[in-house]
Amino acid sequence: MITGVHAMFYSSDPEATRAFLRDVLQLKGNDVGGGWLIFPLSQAEVAVHPVEDTEATPGAQEFSFYCEDIHATAADLKSRGTKLSGEIEDMGWGLVVRLEIPGGCSGMIYQRKY
């Protein structure tokens, strides 16, 4: 039986990426040795989306965080120096904004409507 999901960022600067997750997003990490942090999350979802009408290619993956209040979360992240790409958009299923993560990574943060 599947009991969870493990997601990864492949980073050109893993220390900066880990520090961002720990210090800016305030995720609590467990050091599993040598400064290698694993950030357990209390919730996870997996979805499958068609590639038609998107810029995605088959096999592409997307990393997203979700929150309860996108406007408050975006303002909080900006106050801690996070660069958000564009404005918050209503995608129908949620309110979405992209964020830049150190090490050449990026992600999406959204407020669910479901």
PDB file of N, CA and C in Angstrom:
ATOM      1  N   MET A   1       0.847  -1.182   0.000  1.00  0.00           N
ATOM      2  CA  MET A   1       0.000   0.000   0.000  1.00  0.00           C
ATOM      3  C   MET A   1       0.889   1.240   0.000  1.00  0.00           C
ATOM      4  N   ILE A   2       0.567   2.201  -0.826  1.00  0.00           N
ATOM      5  CA  ILE A   2       1.279   3.478  -0.880  1.00  0.00           C
ATOM      6  C   ILE A   2       0.872   4.306   0.343  1.00  0.00           C
ATOM      7  N   THR A   3       1.857   4.879   1.024  1.00  0.00           N
ATOM      8  CA  THR A   3       1.559   5.671   2.218  1.00  0.00           C
ATOM      9  C   THR A   3       1.992   7.128   2.111  1.00  0.00           C
ATOM     10  N   GLY A   4       2.582   7.525   0.994  1.00  0.00           N
ATOM     11  CA  GLY A   4       3.010   8.913   0.859  1.00  0.00           C
ATOM     12  C   GLY A   4       3.684   9.161  -0.468  1.00  0.00           C
ATOM     13  N   VAL A   5       4.200  10.371  -0.619  1.00  0.00           N
ATOM     14  CA  VAL A   5       4.889  10.801  -1.835  1.00  0.00           C
ATOM     15  C   VAL A   5       6.197  11.456  -1.426  1.00  0.00           C
ATOM     16  N   HIS A   6       7.254  11.176  -2.162  1.00  0.00           N
ATOM     17  CA  HIS A   6       8.542  11.836  -1.954  1.00  0.00           C
ATOM     18  C   HIS A   6       8.832  12.639  -3.212  1.00  0.00           C
ATOM     19  N   ALA A   7       8.952  13.946  -3.073  1.00  0.00           N
ATOM     20  CA  ALA A   7       9.206  14.828  -4.215  1.00  0.00           C
ATOM     21  C   ALA A   7      10.617  15.390  -4.098  1.00  0.00           C
ATOM     22  N   MET A   8      11.247  15.692  -5.235  1.00  0.00           N
ATOM     23  CA  MET A   8      12.616  16.184  -5.225  1.00  0.00           C
ATOM     24  C   MET A   8      12.784  17.396  -6.125  1.00  0.00           C
ATOM     25  N   PHE A   9      13.670  18.285  -5.718  1.00  0.00           N
ATOM     26  CA  PHE A   9      14.169  19.357  -6.559  1.00  0.00           C
ATOM     27  C   PHE A   9      15.590  18.956  -6.951  1.00  0.00           C
ATOM     28  N   TYR A  10      15.920  19.032  -8.213  1.00  0.00           N
ATOM     29  CA  TYR A  10      17.296  18.857  -8.655  1.00  0.00           C
ATOM     30  C   TYR A  10      17.878  20.253  -8.774  1.00  0.00           C
ATOM     31  N   SER A  11      18.849  20.576  -7.916  1.00  0.00           N
ATOM     32  CA  SER A  11      19.319  21.942  -7.748  1.00  0.00           C
ATOM     33  C   SER A  11      20.793  22.095  -8.109  1.00  0.00           C
ATOM     34  N   SER A  12      21.131  23.235  -8.714  1.00  0.00           N
ATOM     35  CA  SER A  12      22.538  23.561  -8.958  1.00  0.00           C
ATOM     36  C   SER A  12      23.202  24.088  -7.688  1.00  0.00           C
ATOM     37  N   ASP A  13      22.415  24.400  -6.669  1.00  0.00           N
ATOM     38  CA  ASP A  13      22.920  24.885  -5.389  1.00  0.00           C
ATOM     39  C   ASP A  13      22.063  24.282  -4.276  1.00  0.00           C
ATOM     40  N   PRO A  14      22.276  22.983  -3.960  1.00  0.00           N
ATOM     41  CA  PRO A  14      21.404  22.304  -3.010  1.00  0.00           C
ATOM     42  C   PRO A  14      21.344  22.961  -1.631  1.00  0.00           C
ATOM     43  N   GLU A  15      22.465  23.514  -1.167  1.00  0.00           N
ATOM     44  CA  GLU A  15      22.447  24.160   0.149  1.00  0.00           C
ATOM     45  C   GLU A  15      21.494  25.360   0.151  1.00  0.00           C
ATOM     46  N   ALA A  16      21.539  26.172  -0.916  1.00  0.00           N
ATOM     47  CA  ALA A  16      20.649  27.334  -1.004  1.00  0.00           C
ATOM     48  C   ALA A  16      19.193  26.903  -1.142  1.00  0.00           C
ATOM     49  N   THR A  17      18.947  25.853  -1.898  1.00  0.00           N
ATOM     50  CA  THR A  17      17.578  25.351  -2.056  1.00  0.00           C
ATOM     51  C   THR A  17      17.050  24.846  -0.726  1.00  0.00           C
ATOM     52  N   ARG A  18      17.863  24.079  -0.006  1.00  0.00           N
ATOM     53  CA  ARG A  18      17.445  23.575   1.310  1.00  0.00           C
ATOM     54  C   ARG A  18      17.212  24.721   2.283  1.00  0.00           C
ATOM     55  N   ALA A  19      18.095  25.725   2.263  1.00  0.00           N
ATOM     56  CA  ALA A  19      17.934  26.880   3.152  1.00  0.00           C
ATOM     57  C   ALA A  19      16.647  27.627   2.831  1.00  0.00           C
ATOM     58  N   PHE A  20      16.306  27.760   1.556  1.00  0.00           N
ATOM     59  CA  PHE A  20      15.059  28.412   1.155  1.00  0.00           C
ATOM     60  C   PHE A  20      13.857  27.650   1.714  1.00  0.00           C
ATOM     61  N   LEU A  21      13.853  26.336   1.547  1.00  0.00           N
ATOM     62  CA  LEU A  21      12.738  25.531   2.054  1.00  0.00           C
ATOM     63  C   LEU A  21      12.636  25.646   3.576  1.00  0.00           C
ATOM     64  N   ARG A  22      13.791  25.639   4.250  1.00  0.00           N
ATOM     65  CA  ARG A  22      13.820  25.707   5.710  1.00  0.00           C
ATOM     66  C   ARG A  22      13.511  27.108   6.216  1.00  0.00           C
ATOM     67  N   ASP A  23      14.209  28.126   5.691  1.00  0.00           N
ATOM     68  CA  ASP A  23      14.148  29.474   6.262  1.00  0.00           C
ATOM     69  C   ASP A  23      13.031  30.340   5.692  1.00  0.00           C
ATOM     70  N   VAL A  24      12.792  30.247   4.400  1.00  0.00           N
ATOM     71  CA  VAL A  24      11.784  31.105   3.776  1.00  0.00           C
ATOM     72  C   VAL A  24      10.403  30.447   3.818  1.00  0.00           C
ATOM     73  N   LEU A  25      10.323  29.203   3.372  1.00  0.00           N
ATOM     74  CA  LEU A  25       9.028  28.515   3.423  1.00  0.00           C
ATOM     75  C   LEU A  25       8.734  27.962   4.809  1.00  0.00           C
ATOM     76  N   GLN A  26       9.728  27.985   5.675  1.00  0.00           N
ATOM     77  CA  GLN A  26       9.613  27.564   7.067  1.00  0.00           C
ATOM     78  C   GLN A  26       9.156  26.116   7.228  1.00  0.00           C
ATOM     79  N   LEU A  27       9.647  25.262   6.337  1.00  0.00           N
ATOM     80  CA  LEU A  27       9.397  23.833   6.474  1.00  0.00           C
ATOM     81  C   LEU A  27      10.398  23.263   7.474  1.00  0.00           C
ATOM     82  N   LYS A  28       9.951  22.361   8.286  1.00  0.00           N
ATOM     83  CA  LYS A  28      10.831  21.744   9.272  1.00  0.00           C
ATOM     84  C   LYS A  28      11.515  20.540   8.626  1.00  0.00           C
ATOM     85  N   GLY A  29      12.839  20.578   8.605  1.00  0.00           N
ATOM     86  CA  GLY A  29      13.595  19.509   7.961  1.00  0.00           C
ATOM     87  C   GLY A  29      14.251  18.587   8.962  1.00  0.00           C
ATOM     88  N   ASN A  30      14.398  17.345   8.565  1.00  0.00           N
ATOM     89  CA  ASN A  30      15.133  16.359   9.341  1.00  0.00           C
ATOM     90  C   ASN A  30      16.468  16.139   8.653  1.00  0.00           C
ATOM     91  N   ASP A  31      17.567  16.305   9.382  1.00  0.00           N
ATOM     92  CA  ASP A  31      18.896  16.070   8.834  1.00  0.00           C
ATOM     93  C   ASP A  31      19.150  14.564   8.858  1.00  0.00           C
ATOM     94  N   VAL A  32      19.259  13.983   7.682  1.00  0.00           N
ATOM     95  CA  VAL A  32      19.481  12.539   7.595  1.00  0.00           C
ATOM     96  C   VAL A  32      20.955  12.221   7.396  1.00  0.00           C
ATOM     97  N   GLY A  33      21.808  13.223   7.630  1.00  0.00           N
ATOM     98  CA  GLY A  33      23.255  13.033   7.556  1.00  0.00           C
ATOM     99  C   GLY A  33      23.904  13.967   6.572  1.00  0.00           C
ATOM    100  N   GLY A  34      24.992  14.576   6.977  1.00  0.00           N
ATOM    101  CA  GLY A  34      25.765  15.434   6.089  1.00  0.00           C
ATOM    102  C   GLY A  34      25.032  16.679   5.635  1.00  0.00           C
ATOM    103  N   GLY A  35      24.075  17.164   6.429  1.00  0.00           N
ATOM    104  CA  GLY A  35      23.319  18.349   6.039  1.00  0.00           C
ATOM    105  C   GLY A  35      22.212  18.074   5.037  1.00  0.00           C
ATOM    106  N   TRP A  36      22.005  16.817   4.699  1.00  0.00           N
ATOM    107  CA  TRP A  36      20.959  16.423   3.758  1.00  0.00           C
ATOM    108  C   TRP A  36      19.625  16.482   4.483  1.00  0.00           C
ATOM    109  N   LEU A  37      18.794  17.466   4.135  1.00  0.00           N
ATOM    110  CA  LEU A  37      17.529  17.666   4.827  1.00  0.00           C
ATOM    111  C   LEU A  37      16.375  17.040   4.056  1.00  0.00           C
ATOM    112  N   ILE A  38      15.519  16.374   4.784  1.00  0.00           N
ATOM    113  CA  ILE A  38      14.256  15.852   4.246  1.00  0.00           C
ATOM    114  C   ILE A  38      13.156  16.622   4.975  1.00  0.00           C
ATOM    115  N   PHE A  39      12.218  17.164   4.211  1.00  0.00           N
ATOM    116  CA  PHE A  39      11.145  17.988   4.765  1.00  0.00           C
ATOM    117  C   PHE A  39       9.830  17.223   4.718  1.00  0.00           C
ATOM    118  N   PRO A  40       9.410  16.621   5.829  1.00  0.00           N
ATOM    119  CA  PRO A  40       8.130  15.920   5.815  1.00  0.00           C
ATOM    120  C   PRO A  40       6.976  16.911   5.714  1.00  0.00           C
ATOM    121  N   LEU A  41       5.979  16.548   4.952  1.00  0.00           N
ATOM    122  CA  LEU A  41       4.784  17.375   4.787  1.00  0.00           C
ATOM    123  C   LEU A  41       3.582  16.590   5.280  1.00  0.00           C
ATOM    124  N   SER A  42       2.609  17.295   5.807  1.00  0.00           N
ATOM    125  CA  SER A  42       1.453  16.606   6.375  1.00  0.00           C
ATOM    126  C   SER A  42       0.423  16.198   5.332  1.00  0.00           C
ATOM    127  N   GLN A  43       0.460  16.816   4.158  1.00  0.00           N
ATOM    128  CA  GLN A  43      -0.513  16.491   3.124  1.00  0.00           C
ATOM    129  C   GLN A  43       0.189  16.352   1.784  1.00  0.00           C
ATOM    130  N   ALA A  44      -0.372  15.549   0.931  1.00  0.00           N
ATOM    131  CA  ALA A  44       0.156  15.411  -0.426  1.00  0.00           C
ATOM    132  C   ALA A  44      -0.974  15.003  -1.355  1.00  0.00           C
ATOM    133  N   GLU A  45      -0.802  15.327  -2.606  1.00  0.00           N
ATOM    134  CA  GLU A  45      -1.752  14.936  -3.647  1.00  0.00           C
ATOM    135  C   GLU A  45      -0.955  14.545  -4.877  1.00  0.00           C
ATOM    136  N   VAL A  46      -1.521  13.693  -5.677  1.00  0.00           N
ATOM    137  CA  VAL A  46      -0.955  13.341  -6.975  1.00  0.00           C
ATOM    138  C   VAL A  46      -2.065  13.483  -8.003  1.00  0.00           C
ATOM    139  N   ALA A  47      -1.766  14.137  -9.110  1.00  0.00           N
ATOM    140  CA  ALA A  47      -2.755  14.311 -10.172  1.00  0.00           C
ATOM    141  C   ALA A  47      -2.100  13.984 -11.508  1.00  0.00           C
ATOM    142  N   VAL A  48      -2.907  13.649 -12.477  1.00  0.00           N
ATOM    143  CA  VAL A  48      -2.442  13.382 -13.837  1.00  0.00           C
ATOM    144  C   VAL A  48      -3.170  14.344 -14.764  1.00  0.00           C
ATOM    145  N   HIS A  49      -2.402  15.099 -15.529  1.00  0.00           N
ATOM    146  CA  HIS A  49      -2.970  16.091 -16.437  1.00  0.00           C
ATOM    147  C   HIS A  49      -2.611  15.730 -17.875  1.00  0.00           C
ATOM    148  N   PRO A  50      -3.502  15.974 -18.815  1.00  0.00           N
ATOM    149  CA  PRO A  50      -3.168  15.747 -20.227  1.00  0.00           C
ATOM    150  C   PRO A  50      -2.208  16.826 -20.721  1.00  0.00           C
ATOM    151  N   VAL A  51      -1.384  16.488 -21.698  1.00  0.00           N
ATOM    152  CA  VAL A  51      -0.435  17.464 -22.228  1.00  0.00           C
ATOM    153  C   VAL A  51      -1.066  18.367 -23.283  1.00  0.00           C
ATOM    154  N   GLU A  52      -2.205  17.968 -23.835  1.00  0.00           N
ATOM    155  CA  GLU A  52      -2.869  18.797 -24.836  1.00  0.00           C
ATOM    156  C   GLU A  52      -3.167  20.169 -24.255  1.00  0.00           C
ATOM    157  N   ASP A  53      -3.030  21.190 -25.073  1.00  0.00           N
ATOM    158  CA  ASP A  53      -3.322  22.570 -24.693  1.00  0.00           C
ATOM    159  C   ASP A  53      -2.412  23.098 -23.577  1.00  0.00           C
ATOM    160  N   THR A  54      -1.242  22.501 -23.398  1.00  0.00           N
ATOM    161  CA  THR A  54      -0.259  23.000 -22.438  1.00  0.00           C
ATOM    162  C   THR A  54       1.103  23.028 -23.119  1.00  0.00           C
ATOM    163  N   GLU A  55       2.068  23.584 -22.424  1.00  0.00           N
ATOM    164  CA  GLU A  55       3.439  23.568 -22.918  1.00  0.00           C
ATOM    165  C   GLU A  55       4.202  22.357 -22.400  1.00  0.00           C
ATOM    166  N   ALA A  56       3.558  21.524 -21.609  1.00  0.00           N
ATOM    167  CA  ALA A  56       4.206  20.355 -21.030  1.00  0.00           C
ATOM    168  C   ALA A  56       4.426  19.273 -22.076  1.00  0.00           C
ATOM    169  N   THR A  57       5.446  18.481 -21.843  1.00  0.00           N
ATOM    170  CA  THR A  57       5.716  17.327 -22.693  1.00  0.00           C
ATOM    171  C   THR A  57       5.395  16.059 -21.911  1.00  0.00           C
ATOM    172  N   PRO A  58       5.089  14.961 -22.595  1.00  0.00           N
ATOM    173  CA  PRO A  58       4.830  13.720 -21.864  1.00  0.00           C
ATOM    174  C   PRO A  58       6.001  13.389 -20.934  1.00  0.00           C
ATOM    175  N   GLY A  59       5.692  13.023 -19.726  1.00  0.00           N
ATOM    176  CA  GLY A  59       6.703  12.696 -18.730  1.00  0.00           C
ATOM    177  C   GLY A  59       7.113  13.881 -17.870  1.00  0.00           C
ATOM    178  N   ALA A  60       6.655  15.097 -18.214  1.00  0.00           N
ATOM    179  CA  ALA A  60       6.996  16.276 -17.421  1.00  0.00           C
ATOM    180  C   ALA A  60       6.360  16.173 -16.035  1.00  0.00           C
ATOM    181  N   GLN A  61       6.986  16.836 -15.074  1.00  0.00           N
ATOM    182  CA  GLN A  61       6.480  16.842 -13.709  1.00  0.00           C
ATOM    183  C   GLN A  61       6.450  18.271 -13.204  1.00  0.00           C
ATOM    184  N   GLU A  62       5.553  18.553 -12.302  1.00  0.00           N
ATOM    185  CA  GLU A  62       5.389  19.892 -11.733  1.00  0.00           C
ATOM    186  C   GLU A  62       5.394  19.769 -10.226  1.00  0.00           C
ATOM    187  N   PHE A  63       6.071  20.680  -9.554  1.00  0.00           N
ATOM    188  CA  PHE A  63       6.063  20.694  -8.099  1.00  0.00           C
ATOM    189  C   PHE A  63       5.242  21.878  -7.630  1.00  0.00           C
ATOM    190  N   SER A  64       4.272  21.627  -6.772  1.00  0.00           N
ATOM    191  CA  SER A  64       3.393  22.679  -6.280  1.00  0.00           C
ATOM    192  C   SER A  64       3.250  22.594  -4.768  1.00  0.00           C
ATOM    193  N   PHE A  65       3.140  23.752  -4.147  1.00  0.00           N
ATOM    194  CA  PHE A  65       2.751  23.858  -2.746  1.00  0.00           C
ATOM    195  C   PHE A  65       1.344  24.417  -2.739  1.00  0.00           C
ATOM    196  N   TYR A  66       0.557  24.111  -1.721  1.00  0.00           N
ATOM    197  CA  TYR A  66      -0.730  24.784  -1.601  1.00  0.00           C
ATOM    198  C   TYR A  66      -0.891  25.366  -0.212  1.00  0.00           C
ATOM    199  N   CYS A  67      -1.780  26.341  -0.110  1.00  0.00           N
ATOM    200  CA  CYS A  67      -1.966  27.089   1.129  1.00  0.00           C
ATOM    201  C   CYS A  67      -3.445  27.429   1.285  1.00  0.00           C
ATOM    202  N   GLU A  68      -3.779  28.010   2.421  1.00  0.00           N
ATOM    203  CA  GLU A  68      -5.174  28.383   2.696  1.00  0.00           C
ATOM    204  C   GLU A  68      -5.525  29.773   2.178  1.00  0.00           C
ATOM    205  N   ASP A  69      -4.538  30.690   2.128  1.00  0.00           N
ATOM    206  CA  ASP A  69      -4.793  32.074   1.720  1.00  0.00           C
ATOM    207  C   ASP A  69      -3.631  32.528   0.839  1.00  0.00           C
ATOM    208  N   ILE A  70      -3.809  32.477  -0.469  1.00  0.00           N
ATOM    209  CA  ILE A  70      -2.733  32.774  -1.412  1.00  0.00           C
ATOM    210  C   ILE A  70      -2.247  34.215  -1.291  1.00  0.00           C
ATOM    211  N   HIS A  71      -3.144  35.147  -1.052  1.00  0.00           N
ATOM    212  CA  HIS A  71      -2.742  36.555  -0.967  1.00  0.00           C
ATOM    213  C   HIS A  71      -1.856  36.793   0.255  1.00  0.00           C
ATOM    214  N   ALA A  72      -2.239  36.270   1.403  1.00  0.00           N
ATOM    215  CA  ALA A  72      -1.432  36.413   2.622  1.00  0.00           C
ATOM    216  C   ALA A  72      -0.107  35.666   2.476  1.00  0.00           C
ATOM    217  N   THR A  73      -0.153  34.473   1.902  1.00  0.00           N
ATOM    218  CA  THR A  73       1.070  33.682   1.726  1.00  0.00           C
ATOM    219  C   THR A  73       2.026  34.366   0.762  1.00  0.00           C
ATOM    220  N   ALA A  74       1.509  34.877  -0.352  1.00  0.00           N
ATOM    221  CA  ALA A  74       2.359  35.570  -1.323  1.00  0.00           C
ATOM    222  C   ALA A  74       2.994  36.806  -0.686  1.00  0.00           C
ATOM    223  N   ALA A  75       2.229  37.577   0.065  1.00  0.00           N
ATOM    224  CA  ALA A  75       2.770  38.767   0.726  1.00  0.00           C
ATOM    225  C   ALA A  75       3.849  38.377   1.732  1.00  0.00           C
ATOM    226  N   ASP A  76       3.622  37.314   2.478  1.00  0.00           N
ATOM    227  CA  ASP A  76       4.600  36.835   3.452  1.00  0.00           C
ATOM    228  C   ASP A  76       5.883  36.388   2.759  1.00  0.00           C
ATOM    229  N   LEU A  77       5.752  35.639   1.674  1.00  0.00           N
ATOM    230  CA  LEU A  77       6.931  35.172   0.940  1.00  0.00           C
ATOM    231  C   LEU A  77       7.700  36.343   0.343  1.00  0.00           C
ATOM    232  N   LYS A  78       6.991  37.321  -0.216  1.00  0.00           N
ATOM    233  CA  LYS A  78       7.655  38.514  -0.765  1.00  0.00           C
ATOM    234  C   LYS A  78       8.418  39.257   0.322  1.00  0.00           C
ATOM    235  N   SER A  79       7.841  39.343   1.525  1.00  0.00           N
ATOM    236  CA  SER A  79       8.503  40.056   2.621  1.00  0.00           C
ATOM    237  C   SER A  79       9.787  39.364   3.047  1.00  0.00           C
ATOM    238  N   ARG A  80       9.923  38.073   2.724  1.00  0.00           N
ATOM    239  CA  ARG A  80      11.135  37.324   3.042  1.00  0.00           C
ATOM    240  C   ARG A  80      12.053  37.192   1.828  1.00  0.00           C
ATOM    241  N   GLY A  81      11.785  38.001   0.792  1.00  0.00           N
ATOM    242  CA  GLY A  81      12.687  38.060  -0.351  1.00  0.00           C
ATOM    243  C   GLY A  81      12.418  37.084  -1.477  1.00  0.00           C
ATOM    244  N   THR A  82      11.302  36.386  -1.437  1.00  0.00           N
ATOM    245  CA  THR A  82      10.985  35.432  -2.493  1.00  0.00           C
ATOM    246  C   THR A  82      10.503  36.171  -3.734  1.00  0.00           C
ATOM    247  N   LYS A  83      11.021  35.784  -4.888  1.00  0.00           N
ATOM    248  CA  LYS A  83      10.574  36.372  -6.146  1.00  0.00           C
ATOM    249  C   LYS A  83       9.426  35.527  -6.696  1.00  0.00           C
ATOM    250  N   LEU A  84       8.290  36.179  -6.883  1.00  0.00           N
ATOM    251  CA  LEU A  84       7.134  35.522  -7.489  1.00  0.00           C
ATOM    252  C   LEU A  84       7.097  35.919  -8.959  1.00  0.00           C
ATOM    253  N   SER A  85       6.798  34.965  -9.816  1.00  0.00           N
ATOM    254  CA  SER A  85       6.751  35.214 -11.256  1.00  0.00           C
ATOM    255  C   SER A  85       5.331  35.556 -11.667  1.00  0.00           C
ATOM    256  N   GLY A  86       5.080  36.828 -11.914  1.00  0.00           N
ATOM    257  CA  GLY A  86       3.758  37.251 -12.340  1.00  0.00           C
ATOM    258  C   GLY A  86       2.829  37.505 -11.178  1.00  0.00           C
ATOM    259  N   GLU A  87       1.573  37.677 -11.523  1.00  0.00           N
ATOM    260  CA  GLU A  87       0.525  37.962 -10.547  1.00  0.00           C
ATOM    261  C   GLU A  87      -0.237  36.677 -10.214  1.00  0.00           C
ATOM    262  N   ILE A  88      -0.999  36.719  -9.158  1.00  0.00           N
ATOM    263  CA  ILE A  88      -1.865  35.596  -8.797  1.00  0.00           C
ATOM    264  C   ILE A  88      -2.945  35.477  -9.858  1.00  0.00           C
ATOM    265  N   GLU A  89      -3.125  34.282 -10.388  1.00  0.00           N
ATOM    266  CA  GLU A  89      -4.118  34.042 -11.440  1.00  0.00           C
ATOM    267  C   GLU A  89      -5.174  33.053 -10.961  1.00  0.00           C
ATOM    268  N   ASP A  90      -6.399  33.276 -11.393  1.00  0.00           N
ATOM    269  CA  ASP A  90      -7.491  32.352 -11.112  1.00  0.00           C
ATOM    270  C   ASP A  90      -7.537  31.338 -12.243  1.00  0.00           C
ATOM    271  N   MET A  91      -7.226  30.078 -11.918  1.00  0.00           N
ATOM    272  CA  MET A  91      -7.187  29.020 -12.922  1.00  0.00           C
ATOM    273  C   MET A  91      -8.471  28.187 -12.923  1.00  0.00           C
ATOM    274  N   GLY A  92      -9.455  28.611 -12.148  1.00  0.00           N
ATOM    275  CA  GLY A  92     -10.697  27.851 -12.055  1.00  0.00           C
ATOM    276  C   GLY A  92     -10.656  26.874 -10.894  1.00  0.00           C
ATOM    277  N   TRP A  93      -9.655  26.033 -10.859  1.00  0.00           N
ATOM    278  CA  TRP A  93      -9.489  25.049  -9.780  1.00  0.00           C
ATOM    279  C   TRP A  93      -8.748  25.625  -8.586  1.00  0.00           C
ATOM    280  N   GLY A  94      -8.126  26.834  -8.780  1.00  0.00           N
ATOM    281  CA  GLY A  94      -7.381  27.453  -7.693  1.00  0.00           C
ATOM    282  C   GLY A  94      -6.770  28.777  -8.107  1.00  0.00           C
ATOM    283  N   LEU A  95      -6.298  29.524  -7.109  1.00  0.00           N
ATOM    284  CA  LEU A  95      -5.590  30.773  -7.324  1.00  0.00           C
ATOM    285  C   LEU A  95      -4.100  30.457  -7.280  1.00  0.00           C
ATOM    286  N   VAL A  96      -3.367  30.837  -8.329  1.00  0.00           N
ATOM    287  CA  VAL A  96      -2.024  30.320  -8.572  1.00  0.00           C
ATOM    288  C   VAL A  96      -1.012  31.435  -8.785  1.00  0.00           C
ATOM    289  N   VAL A  97       0.204  31.225  -8.271  1.00  0.00           N
ATOM    290  CA  VAL A  97       1.349  32.063  -8.609  1.00  0.00           C
ATOM    291  C   VAL A  97       2.598  31.166  -8.580  1.00  0.00           C
ATOM    292  N   ARG A  98       3.552  31.478  -9.449  1.00  0.00           N
ATOM    293  CA  ARG A  98       4.802  30.719  -9.492  1.00  0.00           C
ATOM    294  C   ARG A  98       5.843  31.411  -8.626  1.00  0.00           C
ATOM    295  N   LEU A  99       6.751  30.623  -8.054  1.00  0.00           N
ATOM    296  CA  LEU A  99       7.812  31.191  -7.263  1.00  0.00           C
ATOM    297  C   LEU A  99       9.153  30.647  -7.714  1.00  0.00           C
ATOM    298  N   GLU A 100      10.172  31.497  -7.588  1.00  0.00           N
ATOM    299  CA  GLU A 100      11.527  31.095  -7.912  1.00  0.00           C
ATOM    300  C   GLU A 100      12.186  30.553  -6.654  1.00  0.00           C
ATOM    301  N   ILE A 101      12.895  29.442  -6.808  1.00  0.00           N
ATOM    302  CA  ILE A 101      13.564  28.780  -5.708  1.00  0.00           C
ATOM    303  C   ILE A 101      15.050  28.731  -6.044  1.00  0.00           C
ATOM    304  N   PRO A 102      15.934  29.093  -5.104  1.00  0.00           N
ATOM    305  CA  PRO A 102      17.367  29.085  -5.402  1.00  0.00           C
ATOM    306  C   PRO A 102      17.850  27.752  -5.963  1.00  0.00           C
ATOM    307  N   GLY A 103      18.881  27.825  -6.793  1.00  0.00           N
ATOM    308  CA  GLY A 103      19.453  26.626  -7.382  1.00  0.00           C
ATOM    309  C   GLY A 103      18.852  26.290  -8.729  1.00  0.00           C
ATOM    310  N   GLY A 104      18.193  27.273  -9.354  1.00  0.00           N
ATOM    311  CA  GLY A 104      17.596  27.046 -10.661  1.00  0.00           C
ATOM    312  C   GLY A 104      16.277  26.312 -10.610  1.00  0.00           C
ATOM    313  N   CYS A 105      15.651  26.264  -9.445  1.00  0.00           N
ATOM    314  CA  CYS A 105      14.385  25.550  -9.273  1.00  0.00           C
ATOM    315  C   CYS A 105      13.218  26.536  -9.313  1.00  0.00           C
ATOM    316  N   SER A 106      12.043  26.004  -9.522  1.00  0.00           N
ATOM    317  CA  SER A 106      10.831  26.811  -9.461  1.00  0.00           C
ATOM    318  C   SER A 106       9.693  25.931  -9.001  1.00  0.00           C
ATOM    319  N   GLY A 107       8.617  26.553  -8.653  1.00  0.00           N
ATOM    320  CA  GLY A 107       7.449  25.807  -8.230  1.00  0.00           C
ATOM    321  C   GLY A 107       6.227  26.676  -8.340  1.00  0.00           C
ATOM    322  N   MET A 108       5.124  26.111  -7.985  1.00  0.00           N
ATOM    323  CA  MET A 108       3.856  26.817  -8.008  1.00  0.00           C
ATOM    324  C   MET A 108       3.326  26.782  -6.590  1.00  0.00           C
ATOM    325  N   ILE A 109       2.650  27.840  -6.195  1.00  0.00           N
ATOM    326  CA  ILE A 109       1.923  27.830  -4.931  1.00  0.00           C
ATOM    327  C   ILE A 109       0.493  28.247  -5.259  1.00  0.00           C
ATOM    328  N   TYR A 110      -0.456  27.565  -4.642  1.00  0.00           N
ATOM    329  CA  TYR A 110      -1.844  27.870  -4.982  1.00  0.00           C
ATOM    330  C   TYR A 110      -2.776  27.662  -3.798  1.00  0.00           C
ATOM    331  N   GLN A 111      -3.896  28.338  -3.894  1.00  0.00           N
ATOM    332  CA  GLN A 111      -5.001  28.166  -2.954  1.00  0.00           C
ATOM    333  C   GLN A 111      -6.047  27.326  -3.666  1.00  0.00           C
ATOM    334  N   ARG A 112      -6.309  26.167  -3.126  1.00  0.00           N
ATOM    335  CA  ARG A 112      -7.260  25.248  -3.763  1.00  0.00           C
ATOM    336  C   ARG A 112      -8.686  25.779  -3.706  1.00  0.00           C
ATOM    337  N   LYS A 113      -9.465  25.444  -4.732  1.00  0.00           N
ATOM    338  CA  LYS A 113     -10.902  25.730  -4.747  1.00  0.00           C
ATOM    339  C   LYS A 113     -11.700  24.440  -4.641  1.00  0.00           C
ATOM    340  N   TYR A 114     -11.037  23.347  -4.477  1.00  0.00           N
ATOM    341  CA  TYR A 114     -11.732  22.052  -4.394  1.00  0.00           C
ATOM    342  C   TYR A 114     -11.654  21.494  -3.006  1.00  0.00           C
TER     343      TYR A 114
END
